[in-house]
Amino acid sequence: MDEALEAAEAIADSELEGAVVWVFRVIGILAALAGIGLWLFTQSGLLWLPAILIAVGILLAVIPGILLELIDVFA
């Protein structure tokens, strides 16, 4: 856990903070769109995979920005 916080602090201190956040946002948006596409365009009865993809996509789009802002506040 300490290594993850140190890596997040290193990213927050560098000038690549915005780029890293946007990479995670793009991955999150793509995952959410893939989940929505699976849900809309397939006829499978099991909807766990699309629901998980949508949830993970939303989390990836939101969490990195919030995490880096919190690190800036508390560091």
PDB file of N, CA and C in Angstrom:
ATOM      1  N   MET A   1       0.829  -1.188   0.000  1.00  0.00           N
ATOM      2  CA  MET A   1       0.000   0.000   0.000  1.00  0.00           C
ATOM      3  C   MET A   1       0.870   1.248   0.000  1.00  0.00           C
ATOM      4  N   ASP A   2       1.972   1.196   0.735  1.00  0.00           N
ATOM      5  CA  ASP A   2       2.861   2.355   0.779  1.00  0.00           C
ATOM      6  C   ASP A   2       3.478   2.635  -0.587  1.00  0.00           C
ATOM      7  N   GLU A   3       3.794   1.571  -1.313  1.00  0.00           N
ATOM      8  CA  GLU A   3       4.372   1.756  -2.646  1.00  0.00           C
ATOM      9  C   GLU A   3       3.375   2.421  -3.584  1.00  0.00           C
ATOM     10  N   ALA A   4       2.098   2.046  -3.473  1.00  0.00           N
ATOM     11  CA  ALA A   4       1.072   2.653  -4.321  1.00  0.00           C
ATOM     12  C   ALA A   4       0.909   4.134  -4.003  1.00  0.00           C
ATOM     13  N   LEU A   5       0.953   4.481  -2.718  1.00  0.00           N
ATOM     14  CA  LEU A   5       0.851   5.894  -2.334  1.00  0.00           C
ATOM     15  C   LEU A   5       2.069   6.682  -2.790  1.00  0.00           C
ATOM     16  N   GLU A   6       3.250   6.063  -2.707  1.00  0.00           N
ATOM     17  CA  GLU A   6       4.455   6.739  -3.176  1.00  0.00           C
ATOM     18  C   GLU A   6       4.407   6.955  -4.680  1.00  0.00           C
ATOM     19  N   ALA A   7       3.897   5.975  -5.417  1.00  0.00           N
ATOM     20  CA  ALA A   7       3.766   6.130  -6.865  1.00  0.00           C
ATOM     21  C   ALA A   7       2.764   7.226  -7.192  1.00  0.00           C
ATOM     22  N   ALA A   8       1.658   7.278  -6.456  1.00  0.00           N
ATOM     23  CA  ALA A   8       0.656   8.323  -6.686  1.00  0.00           C
ATOM     24  C   ALA A   8       1.221   9.699  -6.351  1.00  0.00           C
ATOM     25  N   GLU A   9       2.018   9.782  -5.292  1.00  0.00           N
ATOM     26  CA  GLU A   9       2.646  11.061  -4.942  1.00  0.00           C
ATOM     27  C   GLU A   9       3.644  11.482  -6.005  1.00  0.00           C
ATOM     28  N   ALA A  10       4.389  10.524  -6.556  1.00  0.00           N
ATOM     29  CA  ALA A  10       5.352  10.845  -7.612  1.00  0.00           C
ATOM     30  C   ALA A  10       4.639  11.372  -8.847  1.00  0.00           C
ATOM     31  N   ILE A  11       3.507  10.769  -9.188  1.00  0.00           N
ATOM     32  CA  ILE A  11       2.732  11.255 -10.331  1.00  0.00           C
ATOM     33  C   ILE A  11       2.159  12.629 -10.041  1.00  0.00           C
ATOM     34  N   ALA A  12       1.701  12.830  -8.809  1.00  0.00           N
ATOM     35  CA  ALA A  12       1.126  14.125  -8.444  1.00  0.00           C
ATOM     36  C   ALA A  12       2.184  15.225  -8.469  1.00  0.00           C
ATOM     37  N   ASP A  13       3.425  14.882  -8.119  1.00  0.00           N
ATOM     38  CA  ASP A  13       4.494  15.873  -8.115  1.00  0.00           C
ATOM     39  C   ASP A  13       5.020  16.172  -9.513  1.00  0.00           C
ATOM     40  N   SER A  14       4.901  15.224 -10.421  1.00  0.00           N
ATOM     41  CA  SER A  14       5.410  15.444 -11.772  1.00  0.00           C
ATOM     42  C   SER A  14       4.412  16.261 -12.580  1.00  0.00           C
ATOM     43  N   GLU A  15       4.826  16.625 -13.770  1.00  0.00           N
ATOM     44  CA  GLU A  15       3.944  17.392 -14.642  1.00  0.00           C
ATOM     45  C   GLU A  15       3.055  16.478 -15.476  1.00  0.00           C
ATOM     46  N   LEU A  16       3.141  15.173 -15.277  1.00  0.00           N
ATOM     47  CA  LEU A  16       2.352  14.221 -16.047  1.00  0.00           C
ATOM     48  C   LEU A  16       1.028  13.886 -15.388  1.00  0.00           C
ATOM     49  N   GLU A  17       0.671  14.603 -14.354  1.00  0.00           N
ATOM     50  CA  GLU A  17      -0.558  14.307 -13.609  1.00  0.00           C
ATOM     51  C   GLU A  17      -1.786  14.336 -14.502  1.00  0.00           C
ATOM     52  N   GLY A  18      -1.916  15.355 -15.296  1.00  0.00           N
ATOM     53  CA  GLY A  18      -3.072  15.484 -16.172  1.00  0.00           C
ATOM     54  C   GLY A  18      -3.125  14.395 -17.229  1.00  0.00           C
ATOM     55  N   ALA A  19      -1.961  14.026 -17.762  1.00  0.00           N
ATOM     56  CA  ALA A  19      -1.921  12.992 -18.794  1.00  0.00           C
ATOM     57  C   ALA A  19      -2.316  11.639 -18.231  1.00  0.00           C
ATOM     58  N   VAL A  20      -1.847  11.326 -17.039  1.00  0.00           N
ATOM     59  CA  VAL A  20      -2.172  10.041 -16.418  1.00  0.00           C
ATOM     60  C   VAL A  20      -3.667   9.969 -16.117  1.00  0.00           C
ATOM     61  N   VAL A  21      -4.226  11.045 -15.606  1.00  0.00           N
ATOM     62  CA  VAL A  21      -5.657  11.073 -15.304  1.00  0.00           C
ATOM     63  C   VAL A  21      -6.470  10.897 -16.583  1.00  0.00           C
ATOM     64  N   TRP A  22      -6.062  11.553 -17.656  1.00  0.00           N
ATOM     65  CA  TRP A  22      -6.818  11.434 -18.904  1.00  0.00           C
ATOM     66  C   TRP A  22      -6.684  10.054 -19.524  1.00  0.00           C
ATOM     67  N   VAL A  23      -5.537   9.394 -19.347  1.00  0.00           N
ATOM     68  CA  VAL A  23      -5.399   8.022 -19.839  1.00  0.00           C
ATOM     69  C   VAL A  23      -6.386   7.115 -19.118  1.00  0.00           C
ATOM     70  N   PHE A  24      -6.478   7.241 -17.803  1.00  0.00           N
ATOM     71  CA  PHE A  24      -7.439   6.440 -17.042  1.00  0.00           C
ATOM     72  C   PHE A  24      -8.881   6.791 -17.428  1.00  0.00           C
ATOM     73  N   ARG A  25      -9.159   8.066 -17.677  1.00  0.00           N
ATOM     74  CA  ARG A  25     -10.511   8.467 -18.086  1.00  0.00           C
ATOM     75  C   ARG A  25     -10.890   7.857 -19.431  1.00  0.00           C
ATOM     76  N   VAL A  26      -9.952   7.874 -20.374  1.00  0.00           N
ATOM     77  CA  VAL A  26     -10.234   7.298 -21.691  1.00  0.00           C
ATOM     78  C   VAL A  26     -10.469   5.796 -21.581  1.00  0.00           C
ATOM     79  N   ILE A  27      -9.637   5.111 -20.793  1.00  0.00           N
ATOM     80  CA  ILE A  27      -9.831   3.672 -20.582  1.00  0.00           C
ATOM     81  C   ILE A  27     -11.178   3.414 -19.920  1.00  0.00           C
ATOM     82  N   GLY A  28     -11.543   4.232 -18.950  1.00  0.00           N
ATOM     83  CA  GLY A  28     -12.831   4.087 -18.280  1.00  0.00           C
ATOM     84  C   GLY A  28     -14.007   4.314 -19.209  1.00  0.00           C
ATOM     85  N   ILE A  29     -13.905   5.335 -20.043  1.00  0.00           N
ATOM     86  CA  ILE A  29     -14.986   5.611 -20.995  1.00  0.00           C
ATOM     87  C   ILE A  29     -15.115   4.468 -21.995  1.00  0.00           C
ATOM     88  N   LEU A  30     -13.987   3.950 -22.474  1.00  0.00           N
ATOM     89  CA  LEU A  30     -14.037   2.821 -23.409  1.00  0.00           C
ATOM     90  C   LEU A  30     -14.632   1.576 -22.763  1.00  0.00           C
ATOM     91  N   ALA A  31     -14.286   1.336 -21.499  1.00  0.00           N
ATOM     92  CA  ALA A  31     -14.855   0.173 -20.800  1.00  0.00           C
ATOM     93  C   ALA A  31     -16.361   0.339 -20.599  1.00  0.00           C
ATOM     94  N   ALA A  32     -16.790   1.544 -20.236  1.00  0.00           N
ATOM     95  CA  ALA A  32     -18.221   1.781 -20.057  1.00  0.00           C
ATOM     96  C   ALA A  32     -18.968   1.649 -21.388  1.00  0.00           C
ATOM     97  N   LEU A  33     -18.400   2.158 -22.463  1.00  0.00           N
ATOM     98  CA  LEU A  33     -19.034   2.024 -23.772  1.00  0.00           C
ATOM     99  C   LEU A  33     -19.077   0.567 -24.218  1.00  0.00           C
ATOM    100  N   ALA A  34     -18.032  -0.192 -23.908  1.00  0.00           N
ATOM    101  CA  ALA A  34     -18.037  -1.621 -24.243  1.00  0.00           C
ATOM    102  C   ALA A  34     -19.130  -2.347 -23.464  1.00  0.00           C
ATOM    103  N   GLY A  35     -19.304  -2.002 -22.199  1.00  0.00           N
ATOM    104  CA  GLY A  35     -20.363  -2.604 -21.404  1.00  0.00           C
ATOM    105  C   GLY A  35     -21.740  -2.257 -21.927  1.00  0.00           C
ATOM    106  N   ILE A  36     -21.932  -0.998 -22.308  1.00  0.00           N
ATOM    107  CA  ILE A  36     -23.216  -0.583 -22.867  1.00  0.00           C
ATOM    108  C   ILE A  36     -23.461  -1.278 -24.206  1.00  0.00           C
ATOM    109  N   GLY A  37     -22.409  -1.401 -25.018  1.00  0.00           N
ATOM    110  CA  GLY A  37     -22.545  -2.096 -26.293  1.00  0.00           C
ATOM    111  C   GLY A  37     -22.901  -3.561 -26.115  1.00  0.00           C
ATOM    112  N   LEU A  38     -22.247  -4.217 -25.153  1.00  0.00           N
ATOM    113  CA  LEU A  38     -22.585  -5.616 -24.876  1.00  0.00           C
ATOM    114  C   LEU A  38     -24.022  -5.754 -24.397  1.00  0.00           C
ATOM    115  N   TRP A  39     -24.461  -4.822 -23.603  1.00  0.00           N
ATOM    116  CA  TRP A  39     -25.814  -4.885 -23.053  1.00  0.00           C
ATOM    117  C   TRP A  39     -26.865  -4.651 -24.137  1.00  0.00           C
ATOM    118  N   LEU A  40     -26.593  -3.699 -25.023  1.00  0.00           N
ATOM    119  CA  LEU A  40     -27.582  -3.347 -26.040  1.00  0.00           C
ATOM    120  C   LEU A  40     -27.587  -4.281 -27.243  1.00  0.00           C
ATOM    121  N   PHE A  41     -26.414  -4.741 -27.664  1.00  0.00           N
ATOM    122  CA  PHE A  41     -26.319  -5.418 -28.948  1.00  0.00           C
ATOM    123  C   PHE A  41     -26.130  -6.926 -28.863  1.00  0.00           C
ATOM    124  N   THR A  42     -26.203  -7.506 -27.686  1.00  0.00           N
ATOM    125  CA  THR A  42     -26.147  -8.963 -27.575  1.00  0.00           C
ATOM    126  C   THR A  42     -27.455  -9.460 -26.991  1.00  0.00           C
ATOM    127  N   GLN A  43     -27.712 -10.703 -27.211  1.00  0.00           N
ATOM    128  CA  GLN A  43     -28.948 -11.285 -26.706  1.00  0.00           C
ATOM    129  C   GLN A  43     -28.646 -12.336 -25.647  1.00  0.00           C
ATOM    130  N   SER A  44     -27.634 -12.082 -24.878  1.00  0.00           N
ATOM    131  CA  SER A  44     -27.297 -13.033 -23.824  1.00  0.00           C
ATOM    132  C   SER A  44     -28.144 -12.743 -22.595  1.00  0.00           C
ATOM    133  N   GLY A  45     -28.493 -13.791 -21.900  1.00  0.00           N
ATOM    134  CA  GLY A  45     -29.303 -13.621 -20.708  1.00  0.00           C
ATOM    135  C   GLY A  45     -28.487 -13.183 -19.512  1.00  0.00           C
ATOM    136  N   LEU A  46     -27.171 -13.411 -19.550  1.00  0.00           N
ATOM    137  CA  LEU A  46     -26.304 -13.061 -18.430  1.00  0.00           C
ATOM    138  C   LEU A  46     -25.832 -11.624 -18.599  1.00  0.00           C
ATOM    139  N   LEU A  47     -26.205 -10.760 -17.699  1.00  0.00           N
ATOM    140  CA  LEU A  47     -25.853  -9.348 -17.808  1.00  0.00           C
ATOM    141  C   LEU A  47     -24.789  -8.919 -16.799  1.00  0.00           C
ATOM    142  N   TRP A  48     -24.088  -9.883 -16.222  1.00  0.00           N
ATOM    143  CA  TRP A  48     -23.064  -9.529 -15.242  1.00  0.00           C
ATOM    144  C   TRP A  48     -21.874  -8.839 -15.889  1.00  0.00           C
ATOM    145  N   LEU A  49     -21.413  -9.354 -17.023  1.00  0.00           N
ATOM    146  CA  LEU A  49     -20.246  -8.764 -17.674  1.00  0.00           C
ATOM    147  C   LEU A  49     -20.486  -7.312 -18.099  1.00  0.00           C
ATOM    148  N   PRO A  50     -21.590  -6.998 -18.763  1.00  0.00           N
ATOM    149  CA  PRO A  50     -21.817  -5.580 -19.091  1.00  0.00           C
ATOM    150  C   PRO A  50     -21.942  -4.689 -17.854  1.00  0.00           C
ATOM    151  N   ALA A  51     -22.592  -5.193 -16.817  1.00  0.00           N
ATOM    152  CA  ALA A  51     -22.735  -4.394 -15.598  1.00  0.00           C
ATOM    153  C   ALA A  51     -21.382  -4.140 -14.951  1.00  0.00           C
ATOM    154  N   ILE A  52     -20.525  -5.145 -14.929  1.00  0.00           N
ATOM    155  CA  ILE A  52     -19.191  -4.980 -14.343  1.00  0.00           C
ATOM    156  C   ILE A  52     -18.360  -4.014 -15.183  1.00  0.00           C
ATOM    157  N   LEU A  53     -18.436  -4.144 -16.514  1.00  0.00           N
ATOM    158  CA  LEU A  53     -17.693  -3.225 -17.380  1.00  0.00           C
ATOM    159  C   LEU A  53     -18.153  -1.782 -17.205  1.00  0.00           C
ATOM    160  N   ILE A  54     -19.445  -1.569 -17.094  1.00  0.00           N
ATOM    161  CA  ILE A  54     -19.960  -0.210 -16.902  1.00  0.00           C
ATOM    162  C   ILE A  54     -19.501   0.350 -15.559  1.00  0.00           C
ATOM    163  N   ALA A  55     -19.584  -0.454 -14.500  1.00  0.00           N
ATOM    164  CA  ALA A  55     -19.173   0.011 -13.166  1.00  0.00           C
ATOM    165  C   ALA A  55     -17.677   0.307 -13.116  1.00  0.00           C
ATOM    166  N   VAL A  56     -16.871  -0.584 -13.673  1.00  0.00           N
ATOM    167  CA  VAL A  56     -15.416  -0.362 -13.676  1.00  0.00           C
ATOM    168  C   VAL A  56     -15.069   0.852 -14.533  1.00  0.00           C
ATOM    169  N   GLY A  57     -15.753   1.017 -15.647  1.00  0.00           N
ATOM    170  CA  GLY A  57     -15.508   2.177 -16.495  1.00  0.00           C
ATOM    171  C   GLY A  57     -15.813   3.486 -15.807  1.00  0.00           C
ATOM    172  N   ILE A  58     -16.912   3.529 -15.089  1.00  0.00           N
ATOM    173  CA  ILE A  58     -17.260   4.752 -14.351  1.00  0.00           C
ATOM    174  C   ILE A  58     -16.241   5.022 -13.246  1.00  0.00           C
ATOM    175  N   LEU A  59     -15.836   3.975 -12.544  1.00  0.00           N
ATOM    176  CA  LEU A  59     -14.842   4.156 -11.489  1.00  0.00           C
ATOM    177  C   LEU A  59     -13.508   4.627 -12.053  1.00  0.00           C
ATOM    178  N   LEU A  60     -13.077   4.054 -13.177  1.00  0.00           N
ATOM    179  CA  LEU A  60     -11.815   4.479 -13.780  1.00  0.00           C
ATOM    180  C   LEU A  60     -11.892   5.907 -14.298  1.00  0.00           C
ATOM    181  N   ALA A  61     -13.052   6.357 -14.674  1.00  0.00           N
ATOM    182  CA  ALA A  61     -13.187   7.723 -15.163  1.00  0.00           C
ATOM    183  C   ALA A  61     -13.190   8.741 -14.028  1.00  0.00           C
ATOM    184  N   VAL A  62     -13.599   8.325 -12.825  1.00  0.00           N
ATOM    185  CA  VAL A  62     -13.780   9.280 -11.735  1.00  0.00           C
ATOM    186  C   VAL A  62     -12.665   9.213 -10.687  1.00  0.00           C
ATOM    187  N   ILE A  63     -12.293   8.029 -10.274  1.00  0.00           N
ATOM    188  CA  ILE A  63     -11.403   7.850  -9.124  1.00  0.00           C
ATOM    189  C   ILE A  63     -10.002   8.454  -9.291  1.00  0.00           C
ATOM    190  N   PRO A  64      -9.285   8.308 -10.422  1.00  0.00           N
ATOM    191  CA  PRO A  64      -7.919   8.841 -10.485  1.00  0.00           C
ATOM    192  C   PRO A  64      -7.822  10.343 -10.242  1.00  0.00           C
ATOM    193  N   GLY A  65      -8.745  11.101 -10.792  1.00  0.00           N
ATOM    194  CA  GLY A  65      -8.720  12.548 -10.566  1.00  0.00           C
ATOM    195  C   GLY A  65      -8.954  12.901  -9.112  1.00  0.00           C
ATOM    196  N   ILE A  66      -9.901  12.230  -8.492  1.00  0.00           N
ATOM    197  CA  ILE A  66     -10.190  12.484  -7.079  1.00  0.00           C
ATOM    198  C   ILE A  66      -9.010  12.075  -6.204  1.00  0.00           C
ATOM    199  N   LEU A  67      -8.406  10.926  -6.514  1.00  0.00           N
ATOM    200  CA  LEU A  67      -7.269  10.434  -5.724  1.00  0.00           C
ATOM    201  C   LEU A  67      -6.094  11.410  -5.793  1.00  0.00           C
ATOM    202  N   LEU A  68      -5.777  11.902  -6.969  1.00  0.00           N
ATOM    203  CA  LEU A  68      -4.661  12.843  -7.089  1.00  0.00           C
ATOM    204  C   LEU A  68      -4.969  14.185  -6.444  1.00  0.00           C
ATOM    205  N   GLU A  69      -6.224  14.619  -6.467  1.00  0.00           N
ATOM    206  CA  GLU A  69      -6.582  15.855  -5.767  1.00  0.00           C
ATOM    207  C   GLU A  69      -6.439  15.678  -4.261  1.00  0.00           C
ATOM    208  N   LEU A  70      -6.841  14.533  -3.730  1.00  0.00           N
ATOM    209  CA  LEU A  70      -6.698  14.278  -2.299  1.00  0.00           C
ATOM    210  C   LEU A  70      -5.236  14.200  -1.887  1.00  0.00           C
ATOM    211  N   ILE A  71      -4.411  13.627  -2.731  1.00  0.00           N
ATOM    212  CA  ILE A  71      -2.982  13.563  -2.428  1.00  0.00           C
ATOM    213  C   ILE A  71      -2.393  14.963  -2.401  1.00  0.00           C
ATOM    214  N   ASP A  72      -2.822  15.837  -3.322  1.00  0.00           N
ATOM    215  CA  ASP A  72      -2.337  17.221  -3.320  1.00  0.00           C
ATOM    216  C   ASP A  72      -2.768  17.963  -2.062  1.00  0.00           C
ATOM    217  N   VAL A  73      -3.974  17.689  -1.588  1.00  0.00           N
ATOM    218  CA  VAL A  73      -4.489  18.375  -0.403  1.00  0.00           C
ATOM    219  C   VAL A  73      -3.749  17.918   0.855  1.00  0.00           C
ATOM    220  N   PHE A  74      -3.553  16.609   0.976  1.00  0.00           N
ATOM    221  CA  PHE A  74      -2.977  16.087   2.222  1.00  0.00           C
ATOM    222  C   PHE A  74      -1.462  15.986   2.197  1.00  0.00           C
ATOM    223  N   ALA A  75      -0.816  16.232   1.073  1.00  0.00           N
ATOM    224  CA  ALA A  75       0.641  16.114   1.018  1.00  0.00           C
ATOM    225  C   ALA A  75       1.300  17.448   1.255  1.00  0.00           C
TER     226      ALA A  75
END
